């Protein structure tokens, strides 16, 4: 399974915001890049707090790297 990343607003302490409102996505200045491969409850911060532009760029880099470096799956044919 390849990693799954997302961006998430963080609170003033630099931890993921507990409540996400529409306004939060438009107003927050600090963002995190989270690895949510095992679900949001078990997510961990990969990078942040950073600006929205940096978070978007970093998340794209991580997804691209994960896609190009994941091992090839070989199926055995009988």
PDB file of N, CA and C in Angstrom:
ATOM      1  N   UNK A   1       0.841  -1.171   0.000  1.00  0.00           N
ATOM      2  CA  UNK A   1       0.000   0.000   0.000  1.00  0.00           C
ATOM      3  C   UNK A   1       0.891   1.240   0.000  1.00  0.00           C
ATOM      4  N   UNK A   2       0.610   2.165  -0.889  1.00  0.00           N
ATOM      5  CA  UNK A   2       1.406   3.387  -0.933  1.00  0.00           C
ATOM      6  C   UNK A   2       0.856   4.411   0.062  1.00  0.00           C
ATOM      7  N   UNK A   3       1.703   5.288   0.550  1.00  0.00           N
ATOM      8  CA  UNK A   3       1.280   6.280   1.532  1.00  0.00           C
ATOM      9  C   UNK A   3       0.225   7.234   0.961  1.00  0.00           C
ATOM     10  N   UNK A   4      -0.612   7.747   1.847  1.00  0.00           N
ATOM     11  CA  UNK A   4      -1.641   8.721   1.480  1.00  0.00           C
ATOM     12  C   UNK A   4      -1.372   9.985   2.280  1.00  0.00           C
ATOM     13  N   UNK A   5      -1.252  11.100   1.584  1.00  0.00           N
ATOM     14  CA  UNK A   5      -0.953  12.374   2.236  1.00  0.00           C
ATOM     15  C   UNK A   5      -2.090  13.353   2.006  1.00  0.00           C
ATOM     16  N   UNK A   6      -2.257  14.277   2.938  1.00  0.00           N
ATOM     17  CA  UNK A   6      -3.229  15.351   2.799  1.00  0.00           C
ATOM     18  C   UNK A   6      -2.706  16.575   3.537  1.00  0.00           C
ATOM     19  N   UNK A   7      -3.307  17.716   3.245  1.00  0.00           N
ATOM     20  CA  UNK A   7      -2.978  18.910   4.017  1.00  0.00           C
ATOM     21  C   UNK A   7      -4.120  19.162   4.984  1.00  0.00           C
ATOM     22  N   UNK A   8      -3.775  19.804   6.105  1.00  0.00           N
ATOM     23  CA  UNK A   8      -4.761  20.025   7.162  1.00  0.00           C
ATOM     24  C   UNK A   8      -4.398  21.300   7.900  1.00  0.00           C
ATOM     25  N   UNK A   9      -5.383  22.137   8.215  1.00  0.00           N
ATOM     26  CA  UNK A   9      -5.060  23.336   8.998  1.00  0.00           C
ATOM     27  C   UNK A   9      -4.637  22.955  10.414  1.00  0.00           C
ATOM     28  N   UNK A  10      -3.768  23.775  10.990  1.00  0.00           N
ATOM     29  CA  UNK A  10      -3.356  23.503  12.370  1.00  0.00           C
ATOM     30  C   UNK A  10      -3.759  24.664  13.264  1.00  0.00           C
ATOM     31  N   UNK A  11      -3.835  24.363  14.541  1.00  0.00           N
ATOM     32  CA  UNK A  11      -4.204  25.411  15.491  1.00  0.00           C
ATOM     33  C   UNK A  11      -2.964  26.220  15.870  1.00  0.00           C
ATOM     34  N   UNK A  12      -3.107  27.108  16.798  1.00  0.00           N
ATOM     35  CA  UNK A  12      -2.005  27.992  17.187  1.00  0.00           C
ATOM     36  C   UNK A  12      -0.836  27.262  17.829  1.00  0.00           C
ATOM     37  N   UNK A  13      -1.089  26.052  18.317  1.00  0.00           N
ATOM     38  CA  UNK A  13      -0.026  25.265  18.938  1.00  0.00           C
ATOM     39  C   UNK A  13       0.697  24.373  17.927  1.00  0.00           C
ATOM     40  N   UNK A  14       0.275  24.412  16.671  1.00  0.00           N
ATOM     41  CA  UNK A  14       0.921  23.606  15.643  1.00  0.00           C
ATOM     42  C   UNK A  14       0.433  22.180  15.568  1.00  0.00           C
ATOM     43  N   UNK A  15      -0.700  21.881  16.170  1.00  0.00           N
ATOM     44  CA  UNK A  15      -1.275  20.536  16.082  1.00  0.00           C
ATOM     45  C   UNK A  15      -2.494  20.594  15.158  1.00  0.00           C
ATOM     46  N   UNK A  16      -2.872  19.465  14.561  1.00  0.00           N
ATOM     47  CA  UNK A  16      -4.012  19.480  13.648  1.00  0.00           C
ATOM     48  C   UNK A  16      -5.266  20.049  14.310  1.00  0.00           C
ATOM     49  N   UNK A  17      -5.935  20.932  13.605  1.00  0.00           N
ATOM     50  CA  UNK A  17      -7.168  21.526  14.118  1.00  0.00           C
ATOM     51  C   UNK A  17      -8.219  20.446  14.298  1.00  0.00           C
ATOM     52  N   UNK A  18      -8.926  20.504  15.409  1.00  0.00           N
ATOM     53  CA  UNK A  18      -9.928  19.483  15.716  1.00  0.00           C
ATOM     54  C   UNK A  18     -11.219  19.707  14.946  1.00  0.00           C
ATOM     55  N   UNK A  19     -11.570  20.948  14.719  1.00  0.00           N
ATOM     56  CA  UNK A  19     -12.812  21.266  14.031  1.00  0.00           C
ATOM     57  C   UNK A  19     -12.473  21.951  12.717  1.00  0.00           C
ATOM     58  N   UNK A  20     -13.014  21.410  11.653  1.00  0.00           N
ATOM     59  CA  UNK A  20     -12.770  21.988  10.343  1.00  0.00           C
ATOM     60  C   UNK A  20     -14.050  22.641   9.856  1.00  0.00           C
ATOM     61  N   UNK A  21     -14.014  23.935   9.765  1.00  0.00           N
ATOM     62  CA  UNK A  21     -15.138  24.686   9.219  1.00  0.00           C
ATOM     63  C   UNK A  21     -14.717  25.246   7.871  1.00  0.00           C
ATOM     64  N   UNK A  22     -15.676  25.599   7.058  1.00  0.00           N
ATOM     65  CA  UNK A  22     -15.350  26.151   5.753  1.00  0.00           C
ATOM     66  C   UNK A  22     -14.438  27.356   5.890  1.00  0.00           C
ATOM     67  N   UNK A  23     -14.690  28.178   6.872  1.00  0.00           N
ATOM     68  CA  UNK A  23     -13.873  29.372   7.075  1.00  0.00           C
ATOM     69  C   UNK A  23     -12.425  29.009   7.390  1.00  0.00           C
ATOM     70  N   UNK A  24     -12.204  27.893   8.068  1.00  0.00           N
ATOM     71  CA  UNK A  24     -10.838  27.496   8.419  1.00  0.00           C
ATOM     72  C   UNK A  24      -9.994  27.287   7.167  1.00  0.00           C
ATOM     73  N   UNK A  25     -10.566  26.689   6.148  1.00  0.00           N
ATOM     74  CA  UNK A  25      -9.825  26.429   4.915  1.00  0.00           C
ATOM     75  C   UNK A  25      -9.475  27.722   4.200  1.00  0.00           C
ATOM     76  N   UNK A  26     -10.233  28.761   4.423  1.00  0.00           N
ATOM     77  CA  UNK A  26      -9.978  30.029   3.748  1.00  0.00           C
ATOM     78  C   UNK A  26      -9.129  30.977   4.574  1.00  0.00           C
ATOM     79  N   UNK A  27      -9.129  30.851   5.892  1.00  0.00           N
ATOM     80  CA  UNK A  27      -8.492  31.839   6.744  1.00  0.00           C
ATOM     81  C   UNK A  27      -7.199  31.367   7.408  1.00  0.00           C
ATOM     82  N   UNK A  28      -7.050  30.090   7.643  1.00  0.00           N
ATOM     83  CA  UNK A  28      -5.872  29.620   8.373  1.00  0.00           C
ATOM     84  C   UNK A  28      -4.602  29.907   7.591  1.00  0.00           C
ATOM     85  N   UNK A  29      -3.592  30.315   8.331  1.00  0.00           N
ATOM     86  CA  UNK A  29      -2.308  30.625   7.720  1.00  0.00           C
ATOM     87  C   UNK A  29      -1.284  29.533   7.961  1.00  0.00           C
ATOM     88  N   UNK A  30      -1.587  28.615   8.837  1.00  0.00           N
ATOM     89  CA  UNK A  30      -0.646  27.552   9.176  1.00  0.00           C
ATOM     90  C   UNK A  30      -1.260  26.201   8.832  1.00  0.00           C
ATOM     91  N   UNK A  31      -0.486  25.408   8.112  1.00  0.00           N
ATOM     92  CA  UNK A  31      -0.976  24.138   7.605  1.00  0.00           C
ATOM     93  C   UNK A  31       0.016  23.039   7.903  1.00  0.00           C
ATOM     94  N   UNK A  32      -0.493  21.819   7.919  1.00  0.00           N
ATOM     95  CA  UNK A  32       0.331  20.634   8.125  1.00  0.00           C
ATOM     96  C   UNK A  32       0.169  19.711   6.923  1.00  0.00           C
ATOM     97  N   UNK A  33       1.197  18.942   6.654  1.00  0.00           N
ATOM     98  CA  UNK A  33       1.084  17.839   5.709  1.00  0.00           C
ATOM     99  C   UNK A  33       1.020  16.593   6.571  1.00  0.00           C
ATOM    100  N   UNK A  34      -0.060  15.839   6.431  1.00  0.00           N
ATOM    101  CA  UNK A  34      -0.274  14.645   7.246  1.00  0.00           C
ATOM    102  C   UNK A  34      -0.157  13.381   6.411  1.00  0.00           C
ATOM    103  N   UNK A  35       0.390  12.341   7.013  1.00  0.00           N
ATOM    104  CA  UNK A  35       0.350  11.001   6.431  1.00  0.00           C
ATOM    105  C   UNK A  35      -0.885  10.336   7.019  1.00  0.00           C
ATOM    106  N   UNK A  36      -1.889  10.118   6.184  1.00  0.00           N
ATOM    107  CA  UNK A  36      -3.159   9.548   6.637  1.00  0.00           C
ATOM    108  C   UNK A  36      -3.361   8.134   6.094  1.00  0.00           C
ATOM    109  N   UNK A  37      -2.279   7.452   5.818  1.00  0.00           N
ATOM    110  CA  UNK A  37      -2.335   6.107   5.255  1.00  0.00           C
ATOM    111  C   UNK A  37      -3.161   5.162   6.122  1.00  0.00           C
ATOM    112  N   UNK A  38      -3.026   5.282   7.430  1.00  0.00           N
ATOM    113  CA  UNK A  38      -3.737   4.398   8.353  1.00  0.00           C
ATOM    114  C   UNK A  38      -4.989   5.044   8.926  1.00  0.00           C
ATOM    115  N   UNK A  39      -5.486   6.092   8.287  1.00  0.00           N
ATOM    116  CA  UNK A  39      -6.682   6.779   8.751  1.00  0.00           C
ATOM    117  C   UNK A  39      -6.349   8.065   9.477  1.00  0.00           C
ATOM    118  N   UNK A  40      -7.313   8.954   9.532  1.00  0.00           N
ATOM    119  CA  UNK A  40      -7.100  10.254  10.150  1.00  0.00           C
ATOM    120  C   UNK A  40      -6.785  10.149  11.635  1.00  0.00           C
ATOM    121  N   UNK A  41      -7.395   9.185  12.322  1.00  0.00           N
ATOM    122  CA  UNK A  41      -7.152   9.024  13.754  1.00  0.00           C
ATOM    123  C   UNK A  41      -5.718   8.619  14.054  1.00  0.00           C
ATOM    124  N   UNK A  42      -5.062   7.933  13.133  1.00  0.00           N
ATOM    125  CA  UNK A  42      -3.689   7.465  13.342  1.00  0.00           C
ATOM    126  C   UNK A  42      -2.695   8.239  12.478  1.00  0.00           C
ATOM    127  N   UNK A  43      -3.102   9.410  12.012  1.00  0.00           N
ATOM    128  CA  UNK A  43      -2.240  10.203  11.141  1.00  0.00           C
ATOM    129  C   UNK A  43      -1.063  10.781  11.915  1.00  0.00           C
ATOM    130  N   UNK A  44      -0.035  11.148  11.176  1.00  0.00           N
ATOM    131  CA  UNK A  44       1.088  11.835  11.800  1.00  0.00           C
ATOM    132  C   UNK A  44       1.573  12.950  10.874  1.00  0.00           C
ATOM    133  N   UNK A  45       2.162  13.958  11.492  1.00  0.00           N
ATOM    134  CA  UNK A  45       2.613  15.139  10.765  1.00  0.00           C
ATOM    135  C   UNK A  45       3.910  14.814  10.024  1.00  0.00           C
ATOM    136  N   UNK A  46       3.923  15.103   8.742  1.00  0.00           N
ATOM    137  CA  UNK A  46       5.117  14.925   7.933  1.00  0.00           C
ATOM    138  C   UNK A  46       5.870  16.247   7.830  1.00  0.00           C
ATOM    139  N   UNK A  47       5.112  17.336   7.739  1.00  0.00           N
ATOM    140  CA  UNK A  47       5.727  18.651   7.644  1.00  0.00           C
ATOM    141  C   UNK A  47       4.763  19.714   8.139  1.00  0.00           C
ATOM    142  N   UNK A  48       5.309  20.739   8.757  1.00  0.00           N
ATOM    143  CA  UNK A  48       4.491  21.857   9.173  1.00  0.00           C
ATOM    144  C   UNK A  48       4.794  22.262  10.593  1.00  0.00           C
ATOM    145  N   UNK A  49       4.220  23.333  11.031  1.00  0.00           N
ATOM    146  CA  UNK A  49       3.302  24.209  10.319  1.00  0.00           C
ATOM    147  C   UNK A  49       4.012  25.040   9.247  1.00  0.00           C
ATOM    148  N   UNK A  50       3.356  25.150   8.099  1.00  0.00           N
ATOM    149  CA  UNK A  50       3.866  25.901   6.958  1.00  0.00           C
ATOM    150  C   UNK A  50       2.718  26.677   6.327  1.00  0.00           C
ATOM    151  N   UNK A  51       3.031  27.509   5.355  1.00  0.00           N
ATOM    152  CA  UNK A  51       1.991  28.240   4.638  1.00  0.00           C
ATOM    153  C   UNK A  51       1.225  27.276   3.745  1.00  0.00           C
ATOM    154  N   UNK A  52       0.071  27.711   3.280  1.00  0.00           N
ATOM    155  CA  UNK A  52      -0.742  26.867   2.406  1.00  0.00           C
ATOM    156  C   UNK A  52       0.008  26.515   1.128  1.00  0.00           C
ATOM    157  N   UNK A  53       0.698  27.469   0.535  1.00  0.00           N
ATOM    158  CA  UNK A  53       1.441  27.206  -0.697  1.00  0.00           C
ATOM    159  C   UNK A  53       2.518  26.148  -0.488  1.00  0.00           C
ATOM    160  N   UNK A  54       3.247  26.250   0.612  1.00  0.00           N
ATOM    161  CA  UNK A  54       4.294  25.268   0.909  1.00  0.00           C
ATOM    162  C   UNK A  54       3.672  23.901   1.171  1.00  0.00           C
ATOM    163  N   UNK A  55       2.576  23.857   1.908  1.00  0.00           N
ATOM    164  CA  UNK A  55       1.906  22.581   2.200  1.00  0.00           C
ATOM    165  C   UNK A  55       1.435  21.900   0.921  1.00  0.00           C
ATOM    166  N   UNK A  56       0.832  22.659   0.022  1.00  0.00           N
ATOM    167  CA  UNK A  56       0.366  22.091  -1.246  1.00  0.00           C
ATOM    168  C   UNK A  56       1.532  21.550  -2.068  1.00  0.00           C
ATOM    169  N   UNK A  57       2.608  22.311  -2.132  1.00  0.00           N
ATOM    170  CA  UNK A  57       3.780  21.889  -2.898  1.00  0.00           C
ATOM    171  C   UNK A  57       4.414  20.633  -2.294  1.00  0.00           C
ATOM    172  N   UNK A  58       4.573  20.642  -0.990  1.00  0.00           N
ATOM    173  CA  UNK A  58       5.209  19.497  -0.312  1.00  0.00           C
ATOM    174  C   UNK A  58       4.361  18.234  -0.424  1.00  0.00           C
ATOM    175  N   UNK A  59       3.045  18.370  -0.303  1.00  0.00           N
ATOM    176  CA  UNK A  59       2.158  17.210  -0.418  1.00  0.00           C
ATOM    177  C   UNK A  59       2.261  16.613  -1.819  1.00  0.00           C
ATOM    178  N   UNK A  60       2.327  17.457  -2.836  1.00  0.00           N
ATOM    179  CA  UNK A  60       2.482  16.976  -4.207  1.00  0.00           C
ATOM    180  C   UNK A  60       3.821  16.268  -4.385  1.00  0.00           C
ATOM    181  N   UNK A  61       4.888  16.823  -3.821  1.00  0.00           N
ATOM    182  CA  UNK A  61       6.203  16.174  -3.886  1.00  0.00           C
ATOM    183  C   UNK A  61       6.174  14.790  -3.244  1.00  0.00           C
ATOM    184  N   UNK A  62       5.563  14.712  -2.069  1.00  0.00           N
ATOM    185  CA  UNK A  62       5.505  13.433  -1.354  1.00  0.00           C
ATOM    186  C   UNK A  62       4.714  12.391  -2.142  1.00  0.00           C
ATOM    187  N   UNK A  63       3.564  12.796  -2.699  1.00  0.00           N
ATOM    188  CA  UNK A  63       2.759  11.852  -3.488  1.00  0.00           C
ATOM    189  C   UNK A  63       3.521  11.384  -4.723  1.00  0.00           C
ATOM    190  N   UNK A  64       4.204  12.302  -5.386  1.00  0.00           N
ATOM    191  CA  UNK A  64       4.967  11.947  -6.587  1.00  0.00           C
ATOM    192  C   UNK A  64       6.100  10.996  -6.240  1.00  0.00           C
ATOM    193  N   UNK A  65       6.811  11.280  -5.167  1.00  0.00           N
ATOM    194  CA  UNK A  65       7.905  10.412  -4.735  1.00  0.00           C
ATOM    195  C   UNK A  65       7.394   9.034  -4.348  1.00  0.00           C
ATOM    196  N   UNK A  66       6.288   8.986  -3.621  1.00  0.00           N
ATOM    197  CA  UNK A  66       5.723   7.701  -3.204  1.00  0.00           C
ATOM    198  C   UNK A  66       5.298   6.879  -4.418  1.00  0.00           C
ATOM    199  N   UNK A  67       4.748   7.535  -5.404  1.00  0.00           N
ATOM    200  CA  UNK A  67       4.282   6.839  -6.603  1.00  0.00           C
ATOM    201  C   UNK A  67       5.443   6.289  -7.413  1.00  0.00           C
ATOM    202  N   UNK A  68       6.547   7.021  -7.482  1.00  0.00           N
ATOM    203  CA  UNK A  68       7.674   6.586  -8.310  1.00  0.00           C
ATOM    204  C   UNK A  68       8.615   5.630  -7.600  1.00  0.00           C
ATOM    205  N   UNK A  69       8.563   5.583  -6.266  1.00  0.00           N
ATOM    206  CA  UNK A  69       9.493   4.718  -5.541  1.00  0.00           C
ATOM    207  C   UNK A  69       8.849   3.470  -4.960  1.00  0.00           C
ATOM    208  N   UNK A  70       7.528   3.328  -5.113  1.00  0.00           N
ATOM    209  CA  UNK A  70       6.912   2.128  -4.537  1.00  0.00           C
ATOM    210  C   UNK A  70       7.374   0.900  -5.311  1.00  0.00           C
ATOM    211  N   UNK A  71       7.563  -0.194  -4.620  1.00  0.00           N
ATOM    212  CA  UNK A  71       8.072  -1.404  -5.289  1.00  0.00           C
ATOM    213  C   UNK A  71       7.033  -1.969  -6.251  1.00  0.00           C
ATOM    214  N   UNK A  72       7.549  -2.535  -7.317  1.00  0.00           N
ATOM    215  CA  UNK A  72       6.670  -3.158  -8.304  1.00  0.00           C
ATOM    216  C   UNK A  72       6.073  -4.427  -7.723  1.00  0.00           C
ATOM    217  N   UNK A  73       4.815  -4.658  -7.995  1.00  0.00           N
ATOM    218  CA  UNK A  73       4.146  -5.862  -7.517  1.00  0.00           C
ATOM    219  C   UNK A  73       4.177  -6.886  -8.643  1.00  0.00           C
ATOM    220  N   UNK A  74       4.716  -8.033  -8.315  1.00  0.00           N
ATOM    221  CA  UNK A  74       4.802  -9.108  -9.313  1.00  0.00           C
ATOM    222  C   UNK A  74       3.792 -10.184  -8.965  1.00  0.00           C
ATOM    223  N   UNK A  75       2.989 -10.543  -9.940  1.00  0.00           N
ATOM    224  CA  UNK A  75       2.024 -11.624  -9.739  1.00  0.00           C
ATOM    225  C   UNK A  75       2.574 -12.882 -10.373  1.00  0.00           C
ATOM    226  N   UNK A  76       2.432 -13.961  -9.649  1.00  0.00           N
ATOM    227  CA  UNK A  76       2.867 -15.234 -10.178  1.00  0.00           C
ATOM    228  C   UNK A  76       1.751 -15.845 -11.003  1.00  0.00           C
ATOM    229  N   UNK A  77       2.122 -16.348 -12.156  1.00  0.00           N
ATOM    230  CA  UNK A  77       1.154 -17.006 -13.013  1.00  0.00           C
ATOM    231  C   UNK A  77       1.410 -18.513 -12.961  1.00  0.00           C
ATOM    232  N   UNK A  78       0.364 -19.281 -12.744  1.00  0.00           N
ATOM    233  CA  UNK A  78       0.546 -20.739 -12.661  1.00  0.00           C
ATOM    234  C   UNK A  78       0.937 -21.349 -13.977  1.00  0.00           C
TER     235      UNK A  78
END
